[in-house]
Amino acid sequence: MPNPTAAMLVIGDEILSGRTRDANMHYLAGEVTKVGIDLREVRVVSDDPAAIVAAVRALSAGYDHVFTSGGIGPTHDDITAENVAAAFDRPISVREDARAILAAHYDARGQELNAARLRMARIPDGASLIDNPISAAPGFTIENVHVMAGVPSIFQAMLASVLPTLTGGAPILSQTLEIRRGEGDIAGPLSDLAGRYPDLSIGSYPFIRDGCYGAQIVMRGQDGARLDAAMAELAGMFPA
């Protein structure tokens, strides 16, 4: 059985403008790989309602899981929640369980649950809450879309709440070999090796170090014995 598939949707003008460097994609890829979910696509869209709706619909239809990051805070440009709701034709409103979580959080700090903060309690009908142990404001899951914050520490905490609820497959194993030769010298033999191991993903990542050309060859797959065999062949073809 193939592993479940996933896509990520990163939402925010600050990513596309270069003001903020996204760290969540790298973290998500590593975490879903551990539980046997294959991340197949990542999209970045601006704070544009039509773009968010279109991307959510397309990714939800194409993959088993969709993880979003960004745009669920208290400010006017945090528009993810209402547009994810629109993608599924669901109404959205302040929900009492989300309001209670925020009220307890701000009461404990002597702060007001004002209108801006209450925006973070808007949840689409039928969605389930995602726990946020850091700043309380919940994310939510609607159908196969998991809507989470963009702040990396909060995204990671929310993801830790979501992943145990998902059914994964076989974890992807990985091995790497560094070869001190240019890609032009190794491309032919490497292509032949990939043909003998179609069940493995074999990638070549070139570098120049101290004036020497080389490549990191990364093999990934579910079968450890096959990885060992392929890596042994590769090492034999290009001895150090």
C-alpha atoms as a PDB file:
ATOM      1  CA  MET A   1       0.000   0.000   0.000  1.00  0.00           C
ATOM      2  CA  PRO A   2       1.378   3.446  -0.876  1.00  0.00           C
ATOM      3  CA  ASN A   3       1.818   5.941   1.897  1.00  0.00           C
ATOM      4  CA  PRO A   4      -0.775   8.683   2.449  1.00  0.00           C
ATOM      5  CA  THR A   5       0.083  11.898   0.638  1.00  0.00           C
ATOM      6  CA  ALA A   6       0.201  15.475   1.858  1.00  0.00           C
ATOM      7  CA  ALA A   7       0.553  19.023   0.604  1.00  0.00           C
ATOM      8  CA  MET A   8       1.401  22.236   2.398  1.00  0.00           C
ATOM      9  CA  LEU A   9      -0.124  25.651   1.777  1.00  0.00           C
ATOM     10  CA  VAL A  10       1.909  28.604   3.081  1.00  0.00           C
ATOM     11  CA  ILE A  11      -0.169  31.774   3.266  1.00  0.00           C
ATOM     12  CA  GLY A  12       1.172  35.295   3.559  1.00  0.00           C
ATOM     13  CA  ASP A  13       2.450  38.315   1.666  1.00  0.00           C
ATOM     14  CA  GLU A  14       5.430  38.445   4.012  1.00  0.00           C
ATOM     15  CA  ILE A  15       6.733  35.154   2.619  1.00  0.00           C
ATOM     16  CA  LEU A  16       6.390  36.182  -1.011  1.00  0.00           C
ATOM     17  CA  SER A  17       7.942  39.605  -0.388  1.00  0.00           C
ATOM     18  CA  GLY A  18      11.030  38.052   1.167  1.00  0.00           C
ATOM     19  CA  ARG A  19      10.476  39.799   4.492  1.00  0.00           C
ATOM     20  CA  THR A  20       9.994  36.494   6.324  1.00  0.00           C
ATOM     21  CA  ARG A  21      11.855  33.267   5.638  1.00  0.00           C
ATOM     22  CA  ASP A  22       9.559  30.240   5.921  1.00  0.00           C
ATOM     23  CA  ALA A  23      10.816  27.584   8.351  1.00  0.00           C
ATOM     24  CA  ASN A  24       7.663  25.520   8.604  1.00  0.00           C
ATOM     25  CA  MET A  25       8.007  23.626   5.331  1.00  0.00           C
ATOM     26  CA  HIS A  26      11.334  22.118   6.362  1.00  0.00           C
ATOM     27  CA  TYR A  27       9.964  21.107   9.752  1.00  0.00           C
ATOM     28  CA  LEU A  28       6.750  19.642   8.332  1.00  0.00           C
ATOM     29  CA  ALA A  29       8.626  17.587   5.741  1.00  0.00           C
ATOM     30  CA  GLY A  30      10.792  15.983   8.395  1.00  0.00           C
ATOM     31  CA  GLU A  31       7.921  15.243  10.774  1.00  0.00           C
ATOM     32  CA  VAL A  32       5.507  13.703   8.255  1.00  0.00           C
ATOM     33  CA  THR A  33       8.319  11.576   6.824  1.00  0.00           C
ATOM     34  CA  LYS A  34       8.812  10.030  10.261  1.00  0.00           C
ATOM     35  CA  VAL A  35       5.204   8.824  10.352  1.00  0.00           C
ATOM     36  CA  GLY A  36       5.028   7.601   6.763  1.00  0.00           C
ATOM     37  CA  ILE A  37       3.155  10.474   5.114  1.00  0.00           C
ATOM     38  CA  ASP A  38       4.672  11.646   1.823  1.00  0.00           C
ATOM     39  CA  LEU A  39       4.819  15.423   1.349  1.00  0.00           C
ATOM     40  CA  ARG A  40       4.292  15.868  -2.392  1.00  0.00           C
ATOM     41  CA  GLU A  41       3.654  19.562  -2.947  1.00  0.00           C
ATOM     42  CA  VAL A  42       4.142  22.963  -1.291  1.00  0.00           C
ATOM     43  CA  ARG A  43       2.393  26.124  -2.481  1.00  0.00           C
ATOM     44  CA  VAL A  44       2.831  29.696  -1.315  1.00  0.00           C
ATOM     45  CA  VAL A  45      -0.022  32.153  -1.878  1.00  0.00           C
ATOM     46  CA  SER A  46      -0.537  35.794  -0.998  1.00  0.00           C
ATOM     47  CA  ASP A  47      -3.133  37.207   1.370  1.00  0.00           C
ATOM     48  CA  ASP A  48      -5.680  37.096  -1.422  1.00  0.00           C
ATOM     49  CA  PRO A  49      -9.071  35.469  -0.766  1.00  0.00           C
ATOM     50  CA  ALA A  50      -9.519  33.981  -4.229  1.00  0.00           C
ATOM     51  CA  ALA A  51      -6.000  32.542  -4.224  1.00  0.00           C
ATOM     52  CA  ILE A  52      -6.487  30.914  -0.811  1.00  0.00           C
ATOM     53  CA  VAL A  53      -9.850  29.404  -1.731  1.00  0.00           C
ATOM     54  CA  ALA A  54      -8.573  28.048  -5.048  1.00  0.00           C
ATOM     55  CA  ALA A  55      -5.445  26.548  -3.490  1.00  0.00           C
ATOM     56  CA  VAL A  56      -7.324  24.909  -0.616  1.00  0.00           C
ATOM     57  CA  ARG A  57      -9.825  23.326  -2.994  1.00  0.00           C
ATOM     58  CA  ALA A  58      -7.170  22.051  -5.378  1.00  0.00           C
ATOM     59  CA  LEU A  59      -4.862  20.641  -2.706  1.00  0.00           C
ATOM     60  CA  SER A  60      -7.686  19.112  -0.667  1.00  0.00           C
ATOM     61  CA  ALA A  61      -8.912  17.273  -3.752  1.00  0.00           C
ATOM     62  CA  GLY A  62      -5.433  16.120  -4.748  1.00  0.00           C
ATOM     63  CA  TYR A  63      -3.927  14.854  -1.486  1.00  0.00           C
ATOM     64  CA  ASP A  64      -4.905  12.913   1.603  1.00  0.00           C
ATOM     65  CA  HIS A  65      -3.861  15.733   3.949  1.00  0.00           C
ATOM     66  CA  VAL A  66      -3.279  19.461   3.588  1.00  0.00           C
ATOM     67  CA  PHE A  67      -1.377  21.489   6.186  1.00  0.00           C
ATOM     68  CA  THR A  68      -1.663  25.271   6.086  1.00  0.00           C
ATOM     69  CA  SER A  69       0.457  27.833   7.916  1.00  0.00           C
ATOM     70  CA  GLY A  70      -0.141  31.522   8.460  1.00  0.00           C
ATOM     71  CA  GLY A  71      -3.003  33.979   8.604  1.00  0.00           C
ATOM     72  CA  ILE A  72      -4.987  32.927  11.673  1.00  0.00           C
ATOM     73  CA  GLY A  73      -3.972  35.757  14.031  1.00  0.00           C
ATOM     74  CA  PRO A  74      -5.939  38.781  15.321  1.00  0.00           C
ATOM     75  CA  THR A  75      -5.176  41.411  12.663  1.00  0.00           C
ATOM     76  CA  HIS A  76      -7.137  42.500   9.601  1.00  0.00           C
ATOM     77  CA  ASP A  77      -4.782  40.692   7.214  1.00  0.00           C
ATOM     78  CA  ASP A  78      -5.256  37.333   8.958  1.00  0.00           C
ATOM     79  CA  ILE A  79      -7.818  35.990   6.502  1.00  0.00           C
ATOM     80  CA  THR A  80      -7.053  32.288   6.342  1.00  0.00           C
ATOM     81  CA  ALA A  81      -9.911  31.026   8.527  1.00  0.00           C
ATOM     82  CA  GLU A  82     -12.757  32.633   6.588  1.00  0.00           C
ATOM     83  CA  ASN A  83     -11.316  31.629   3.241  1.00  0.00           C
ATOM     84  CA  VAL A  84     -10.760  28.008   4.241  1.00  0.00           C
ATOM     85  CA  ALA A  85     -14.398  28.047   5.372  1.00  0.00           C
ATOM     86  CA  ALA A  86     -15.374  29.496   1.987  1.00  0.00           C
ATOM     87  CA  ALA A  87     -13.420  26.762   0.181  1.00  0.00           C
ATOM     88  CA  PHE A  88     -15.733  24.204   1.802  1.00  0.00           C
ATOM     89  CA  ASP A  89     -18.863  26.379   1.592  1.00  0.00           C
ATOM     90  CA  ARG A  90     -19.143  26.449   5.374  1.00  0.00           C
ATOM     91  CA  PRO A  91     -20.275  29.367   7.541  1.00  0.00           C
ATOM     92  CA  ILE A  92     -17.812  30.663  10.098  1.00  0.00           C
ATOM     93  CA  SER A  93     -18.454  32.340  13.434  1.00  0.00           C
ATOM     94  CA  VAL A  94     -17.044  32.749  16.933  1.00  0.00           C
ATOM     95  CA  ARG A  95     -17.393  29.351  18.581  1.00  0.00           C
ATOM     96  CA  GLU A  96     -17.994  29.076  22.293  1.00  0.00           C
ATOM     97  CA  ASP A  97     -15.335  26.435  23.018  1.00  0.00           C
ATOM     98  CA  ALA A  98     -12.704  28.510  21.218  1.00  0.00           C
ATOM     99  CA  ARG A  99     -13.923  31.664  22.987  1.00  0.00           C
ATOM    100  CA  ALA A 100     -13.630  29.910  26.365  1.00  0.00           C
ATOM    101  CA  ILE A 101     -10.040  28.869  25.662  1.00  0.00           C
ATOM    102  CA  LEU A 102      -9.058  32.421  24.768  1.00  0.00           C
ATOM    103  CA  ALA A 103     -10.979  33.941  27.679  1.00  0.00           C
ATOM    104  CA  ALA A 104      -9.176  31.717  30.188  1.00  0.00           C
ATOM    105  CA  HIS A 105      -5.821  32.507  28.597  1.00  0.00           C
ATOM    106  CA  TYR A 106      -6.247  36.298  28.689  1.00  0.00           C
ATOM    107  CA  ASP A 107      -7.963  36.349  32.086  1.00  0.00           C
ATOM    108  CA  ALA A 108      -4.962  34.552  33.579  1.00  0.00           C
ATOM    109  CA  ARG A 109      -2.754  37.349  32.236  1.00  0.00           C
ATOM    110  CA  GLY A 110      -5.010  40.207  33.226  1.00  0.00           C
ATOM    111  CA  GLN A 111      -5.652  41.095  29.585  1.00  0.00           C
ATOM    112  CA  GLU A 112      -8.874  41.861  27.778  1.00  0.00           C
ATOM    113  CA  LEU A 113     -10.418  39.483  25.249  1.00  0.00           C
ATOM    114  CA  ASN A 114     -11.089  42.350  22.858  1.00  0.00           C
ATOM    115  CA  ALA A 115     -12.609  42.233  19.391  1.00  0.00           C
ATOM    116  CA  ALA A 116      -9.262  41.700  17.695  1.00  0.00           C
ATOM    117  CA  ARG A 117      -8.343  38.727  19.881  1.00  0.00           C
ATOM    118  CA  LEU A 118     -11.848  37.317  19.495  1.00  0.00           C
ATOM    119  CA  ARG A 119     -11.187  36.998  15.754  1.00  0.00           C
ATOM    120  CA  MET A 120      -9.021  34.001  16.672  1.00  0.00           C
ATOM    121  CA  ALA A 121     -12.113  32.173  18.001  1.00  0.00           C
ATOM    122  CA  ARG A 122     -13.795  32.138  14.582  1.00  0.00           C
ATOM    123  CA  ILE A 123     -14.117  28.503  13.518  1.00  0.00           C
ATOM    124  CA  PRO A 124     -15.881  27.059  10.452  1.00  0.00           C
ATOM    125  CA  ASP A 125     -18.947  24.927  11.123  1.00  0.00           C
ATOM    126  CA  GLY A 126     -18.051  21.266  11.612  1.00  0.00           C
ATOM    127  CA  ALA A 127     -14.337  21.856  12.212  1.00  0.00           C
ATOM    128  CA  SER A 128     -12.448  20.352  15.150  1.00  0.00           C
ATOM    129  CA  LEU A 129      -9.999  22.428  17.180  1.00  0.00           C
ATOM    130  CA  ILE A 130      -6.230  21.976  17.122  1.00  0.00           C
ATOM    131  CA  ASP A 131      -4.612  22.551  20.498  1.00  0.00           C
ATOM    132  CA  ASN A 132      -2.202  25.463  20.913  1.00  0.00           C
ATOM    133  CA  PRO A 133      -0.312  25.093  24.197  1.00  0.00           C
ATOM    134  CA  ILE A 134       1.837  28.161  23.539  1.00  0.00           C
ATOM    135  CA  SER A 135      -0.525  31.067  22.882  1.00  0.00           C
ATOM    136  CA  ALA A 136      -3.916  29.335  23.323  1.00  0.00           C
ATOM    137  CA  ALA A 137      -5.517  30.500  20.049  1.00  0.00           C
ATOM    138  CA  PRO A 138      -6.556  27.225  18.408  1.00  0.00           C
ATOM    139  CA  GLY A 139      -6.057  26.020  14.902  1.00  0.00           C
ATOM    140  CA  PHE A 140      -8.660  23.773  13.335  1.00  0.00           C
ATOM    141  CA  THR A 141      -9.173  20.783  11.072  1.00  0.00           C
ATOM    142  CA  ILE A 142     -11.925  20.796   8.475  1.00  0.00           C
ATOM    143  CA  GLU A 143     -12.267  17.667   6.358  1.00  0.00           C
ATOM    144  CA  ASN A 144      -8.654  16.868   5.366  1.00  0.00           C
ATOM    145  CA  VAL A 145      -7.247  20.377   5.866  1.00  0.00           C
ATOM    146  CA  HIS A 146      -5.325  21.240   9.030  1.00  0.00           C
ATOM    147  CA  VAL A 147      -5.141  25.011   9.579  1.00  0.00           C
ATOM    148  CA  MET A 148      -2.254  26.170  11.753  1.00  0.00           C
ATOM    149  CA  ALA A 149      -0.325  29.268  12.766  1.00  0.00           C
ATOM    150  CA  GLY A 150       2.648  30.669  10.895  1.00  0.00           C
ATOM    151  CA  VAL A 151       4.859  31.361  13.927  1.00  0.00           C
ATOM    152  CA  PRO A 152       7.261  28.389  13.845  1.00  0.00           C
ATOM    153  CA  SER A 153       7.088  27.497  17.553  1.00  0.00           C
ATOM    154  CA  ILE A 154       3.275  27.519  17.472  1.00  0.00           C
ATOM    155  CA  PHE A 155       3.138  25.660  14.150  1.00  0.00           C
ATOM    156  CA  GLN A 156       5.342  22.947  15.614  1.00  0.00           C
ATOM    157  CA  ALA A 157       3.206  22.649  18.753  1.00  0.00           C
ATOM    158  CA  MET A 158       0.026  22.410  16.701  1.00  0.00           C
ATOM    159  CA  LEU A 159       1.560  19.824  14.409  1.00  0.00           C
ATOM    160  CA  ALA A 160       2.459  17.740  17.455  1.00  0.00           C
ATOM    161  CA  SER A 161      -1.252  17.742  18.318  1.00  0.00           C
ATOM    162  CA  VAL A 162      -2.355  16.769  14.814  1.00  0.00           C
ATOM    163  CA  LEU A 163       0.069  14.048  13.762  1.00  0.00           C
ATOM    164  CA  PRO A 164      -0.956  11.434  16.374  1.00  0.00           C
ATOM    165  CA  THR A 165      -4.519  11.613  15.006  1.00  0.00           C
ATOM    166  CA  LEU A 166      -3.456  10.709  11.448  1.00  0.00           C
ATOM    167  CA  THR A 167      -2.864   7.288   9.952  1.00  0.00           C
ATOM    168  CA  GLY A 168       0.555   7.056   8.355  1.00  0.00           C
ATOM    169  CA  GLY A 169       2.361   4.403   6.376  1.00  0.00           C
ATOM    170  CA  ALA A 170       5.886   3.051   6.338  1.00  0.00           C
ATOM    171  CA  PRO A 171       8.504   5.597   7.440  1.00  0.00           C
ATOM    172  CA  ILE A 172      10.871   6.674   4.678  1.00  0.00           C
ATOM    173  CA  LEU A 173      14.476   5.636   5.290  1.00  0.00           C
ATOM    174  CA  SER A 174      17.424   7.578   3.910  1.00  0.00           C
ATOM    175  CA  GLN A 175      21.125   7.002   3.287  1.00  0.00           C
ATOM    176  CA  THR A 176      23.741   9.363   1.859  1.00  0.00           C
ATOM    177  CA  LEU A 177      27.091   8.867   0.168  1.00  0.00           C
ATOM    178  CA  GLU A 178      29.491  11.670  -0.737  1.00  0.00           C
ATOM    179  CA  ILE A 179      31.333  11.138  -4.027  1.00  0.00           C
ATOM    180  CA  ARG A 180      34.280  13.393  -4.904  1.00  0.00           C
ATOM    181  CA  ARG A 181      33.633  13.499  -8.617  1.00  0.00           C
ATOM    182  CA  GLY A 182      31.675  15.863 -10.836  1.00  0.00           C
ATOM    183  CA  GLU A 183      28.115  14.988 -11.798  1.00  0.00           C
ATOM    184  CA  GLY A 184      29.155  14.587 -15.426  1.00  0.00           C
ATOM    185  CA  ASP A 185      31.369  11.655 -14.386  1.00  0.00           C
ATOM    186  CA  ILE A 186      28.763   9.890 -12.267  1.00  0.00           C
ATOM    187  CA  ALA A 187      25.549  10.602 -14.196  1.00  0.00           C
ATOM    188  CA  GLY A 188      25.672   7.518 -16.440  1.00  0.00           C
ATOM    189  CA  PRO A 189      26.408   4.893 -13.760  1.00  0.00           C
ATOM    190  CA  LEU A 190      23.967   6.589 -11.393  1.00  0.00           C
ATOM    191  CA  SER A 191      21.206   6.428 -13.995  1.00  0.00           C
ATOM    192  CA  ASP A 192      21.867   2.709 -14.496  1.00  0.00           C
ATOM    193  CA  LEU A 193      21.716   2.155 -10.744  1.00  0.00           C
ATOM    194  CA  ALA A 194      18.408   4.014 -10.491  1.00  0.00           C
ATOM    195  CA  GLY A 195      17.032   1.785 -13.227  1.00  0.00           C
ATOM    196  CA  ARG A 196      17.923  -1.327 -11.218  1.00  0.00           C
ATOM    197  CA  TYR A 197      16.254   0.079  -8.093  1.00  0.00           C
ATOM    198  CA  PRO A 198      13.003   1.694  -9.319  1.00  0.00           C
ATOM    199  CA  ASP A 199      11.511   1.383  -5.833  1.00  0.00           C
ATOM    200  CA  LEU A 200      14.078   3.849  -4.459  1.00  0.00           C
ATOM    201  CA  SER A 201      14.338   7.599  -4.889  1.00  0.00           C
ATOM    202  CA  ILE A 202      17.929   8.481  -5.824  1.00  0.00           C
ATOM    203  CA  GLY A 203      18.958  12.123  -5.933  1.00  0.00           C
ATOM    204  CA  SER A 204      22.242  13.844  -6.741  1.00  0.00           C
ATOM    205  CA  TYR A 205      23.121  17.128  -5.022  1.00  0.00           C
ATOM    206  CA  PRO A 206      26.355  18.701  -6.340  1.00  0.00           C
ATOM    207  CA  PHE A 207      28.834  20.818  -4.428  1.00  0.00           C
ATOM    208  CA  ILE A 208      32.197  22.524  -4.882  1.00  0.00           C
ATOM    209  CA  ARG A 209      34.488  22.292  -1.860  1.00  0.00           C
ATOM    210  CA  ASP A 210      38.122  23.364  -1.707  1.00  0.00           C
ATOM    211  CA  GLY A 211      38.177  23.495  -5.486  1.00  0.00           C
ATOM    212  CA  CYS A 212      36.918  19.927  -5.770  1.00  0.00           C
ATOM    213  CA  TYR A 213      33.683  18.975  -7.507  1.00  0.00           C
ATOM    214  CA  GLY A 214      31.520  16.376  -5.856  1.00  0.00           C
ATOM    215  CA  ALA A 215      27.976  15.278  -5.121  1.00  0.00           C
ATOM    216  CA  GLN A 216      25.936  14.019  -2.224  1.00  0.00           C
ATOM    217  CA  ILE A 217      23.960  11.005  -3.414  1.00  0.00           C
ATOM    218  CA  VAL A 218      20.824  10.565  -1.324  1.00  0.00           C
ATOM    219  CA  MET A 219      18.770   7.381  -1.502  1.00  0.00           C
ATOM    220  CA  ARG A 220      15.329   7.124   0.049  1.00  0.00           C
ATOM    221  CA  GLY A 221      12.897   4.240   0.344  1.00  0.00           C
ATOM    222  CA  GLN A 222      10.875   2.032   2.661  1.00  0.00           C
ATOM    223  CA  ASP A 223      12.955  -1.151   2.405  1.00  0.00           C
ATOM    224  CA  GLY A 224      16.160  -1.009   4.433  1.00  0.00           C
ATOM    225  CA  ALA A 225      17.660  -4.066   2.750  1.00  0.00           C
ATOM    226  CA  ARG A 226      17.168  -2.565  -0.695  1.00  0.00           C
ATOM    227  CA  LEU A 227      18.744   0.695   0.454  1.00  0.00           C
ATOM    228  CA  ASP A 228      21.748  -1.183   1.826  1.00  0.00           C
ATOM    229  CA  ALA A 229      22.163  -3.122  -1.416  1.00  0.00           C
ATOM    230  CA  ALA A 230      21.928  -0.052  -3.636  1.00  0.00           C
ATOM    231  CA  MET A 231      24.303   1.917  -1.442  1.00  0.00           C
ATOM    232  CA  ALA A 232      26.807  -0.928  -1.492  1.00  0.00           C
ATOM    233  CA  GLU A 233      26.699  -1.002  -5.302  1.00  0.00           C
ATOM    234  CA  LEU A 234      27.183   2.755  -5.451  1.00  0.00           C
ATOM    235  CA  ALA A 235      30.143   2.671  -3.094  1.00  0.00           C
ATOM    236  CA  GLY A 236      31.693  -0.112  -5.186  1.00  0.00           C
ATOM    237  CA  MET A 237      31.322   1.913  -8.378  1.00  0.00           C
ATOM    238  CA  PHE A 238      33.003   4.982  -6.888  1.00  0.00           C
ATOM    239  CA  PRO A 239      35.496   3.917  -4.228  1.00  0.00           C
ATOM    240  CA  ALA A 240      36.880   6.707  -2.054  1.00  0.00           C
END
